[in-house]
C-alpha atoms as a PDB file:
ATOM      1  CA  UNK A   1     -24.727  -6.057-119.562  1.00  0.00           C
ATOM      2  CA  UNK A   2     -22.946  -8.959-121.162  1.00  0.00           C
ATOM      3  CA  UNK A   3     -23.072  -9.899-124.855  1.00  0.00           C
ATOM      4  CA  UNK A   4     -24.210 -13.444-125.554  1.00  0.00           C
ATOM      5  CA  UNK A   5     -23.449 -13.149-129.287  1.00  0.00           C
ATOM      6  CA  UNK A   6     -20.991 -11.139-131.384  1.00  0.00           C
ATOM      7  CA  UNK A   7     -22.592  -7.698-131.307  1.00  0.00           C
ATOM      8  CA  UNK A   8     -21.703  -4.222-132.552  1.00  0.00           C
ATOM      9  CA  UNK A   9     -22.988  -1.266-130.508  1.00  0.00           C
ATOM     10  CA  UNK A  10     -22.106   2.360-131.243  1.00  0.00           C
ATOM     11  CA  UNK A  11     -19.272   1.272-133.565  1.00  0.00           C
ATOM     12  CA  UNK A  12     -17.652  -1.117-131.062  1.00  0.00           C
ATOM     13  CA  UNK A  13     -17.830  -4.892-131.478  1.00  0.00           C
ATOM     14  CA  UNK A  14     -18.324  -7.126-128.446  1.00  0.00           C
ATOM     15  CA  UNK A  15     -17.660 -10.875-128.332  1.00  0.00           C
ATOM     16  CA  UNK A  16     -19.799 -13.337-126.364  1.00  0.00           C
ATOM     17  CA  UNK A  17     -19.137 -12.927-122.639  1.00  0.00           C
ATOM     18  CA  UNK A  18     -17.730  -9.421-123.023  1.00  0.00           C
ATOM     19  CA  UNK A  19     -19.140  -6.532-120.970  1.00  0.00           C
ATOM     20  CA  UNK A  20     -21.009  -3.965-123.072  1.00  0.00           C
ATOM     21  CA  UNK A  21     -19.694  -0.526-122.198  1.00  0.00           C
ATOM     22  CA  UNK A  22     -21.448   1.429-124.972  1.00  0.00           C
ATOM     23  CA  UNK A  23     -24.789   3.111-124.324  1.00  0.00           C
ATOM     24  CA  UNK A  24     -27.811   1.309-125.790  1.00  0.00           C
ATOM     25  CA  UNK A  25     -31.015   3.139-126.575  1.00  0.00           C
ATOM     26  CA  UNK A  26     -34.046   1.707-124.778  1.00  0.00           C
ATOM     27  CA  UNK A  27     -35.655   0.111-127.866  1.00  0.00           C
ATOM     28  CA  UNK A  28     -32.414  -1.677-128.807  1.00  0.00           C
ATOM     29  CA  UNK A  29     -31.909  -2.898-125.251  1.00  0.00           C
ATOM     30  CA  UNK A  30     -35.479  -4.253-125.063  1.00  0.00           C
ATOM     31  CA  UNK A  31     -35.053  -6.067-128.391  1.00  0.00           C
ATOM     32  CA  UNK A  32     -31.637  -7.532-127.511  1.00  0.00           C
ATOM     33  CA  UNK A  33     -32.889  -8.769-124.120  1.00  0.00           C
ATOM     34  CA  UNK A  34     -36.094 -10.236-125.589  1.00  0.00           C
ATOM     35  CA  UNK A  35     -34.115 -12.174-128.214  1.00  0.00           C
ATOM     36  CA  UNK A  36     -31.587 -13.359-125.609  1.00  0.00           C
ATOM     37  CA  UNK A  37     -28.624 -11.557-127.193  1.00  0.00           C
ATOM     38  CA  UNK A  38     -27.618  -9.760-123.981  1.00  0.00           C
ATOM     39  CA  UNK A  39     -27.974 -10.476-120.278  1.00  0.00           C
ATOM     40  CA  UNK A  40     -27.314  -8.714-117.002  1.00  0.00           C
ATOM     41  CA  UNK A  41     -23.901  -9.049-115.506  1.00  0.00           C
ATOM     42  CA  UNK A  42     -23.712 -11.744-112.869  1.00  0.00           C
ATOM     43  CA  UNK A  43     -21.866 -10.793-109.693  1.00  0.00           C
ATOM     44  CA  UNK A  44     -18.527 -12.531-109.441  1.00  0.00           C
ATOM     45  CA  UNK A  45     -18.097 -15.257-106.835  1.00  0.00           C
ATOM     46  CA  UNK A  46     -15.137 -13.386-105.310  1.00  0.00           C
ATOM     47  CA  UNK A  47     -17.254 -10.261-104.761  1.00  0.00           C
ATOM     48  CA  UNK A  48     -20.000 -12.328-103.141  1.00  0.00           C
ATOM     49  CA  UNK A  49     -17.518 -14.126-100.887  1.00  0.00           C
ATOM     50  CA  UNK A  50     -15.875 -10.832 -99.918  1.00  0.00           C
ATOM     51  CA  UNK A  51     -19.250  -9.268 -99.084  1.00  0.00           C
ATOM     52  CA  UNK A  52     -20.279 -12.303 -97.011  1.00  0.00           C
ATOM     53  CA  UNK A  53     -16.989 -12.174 -95.129  1.00  0.00           C
ATOM     54  CA  UNK A  54     -17.516  -8.482 -94.355  1.00  0.00           C
ATOM     55  CA  UNK A  55     -21.112  -9.136 -93.231  1.00  0.00           C
ATOM     56  CA  UNK A  56     -19.939 -11.919 -90.914  1.00  0.00           C
ATOM     57  CA  UNK A  57     -17.291  -9.674 -89.352  1.00  0.00           C
ATOM     58  CA  UNK A  58     -19.872  -6.931 -88.710  1.00  0.00           C
ATOM     59  CA  UNK A  59     -22.344  -9.287 -87.058  1.00  0.00           C
ATOM     60  CA  UNK A  60     -19.617 -10.882 -84.919  1.00  0.00           C
ATOM     61  CA  UNK A  61     -18.909  -7.568 -83.140  1.00  0.00           C
END
């Protein structure tokens, strides 16, 4: 999960865009998602390109 606002979870403060590594309880997670304060991590473009390259190599054989 990625913070979209400055957020403190389990005593650690996260800035916008920072990956949340602390454990959220379910109620807090539901609230933060509903209000748009957190979002799922988006896969990086490099990881997607690497995976596509590997898939292409496998299908070429």
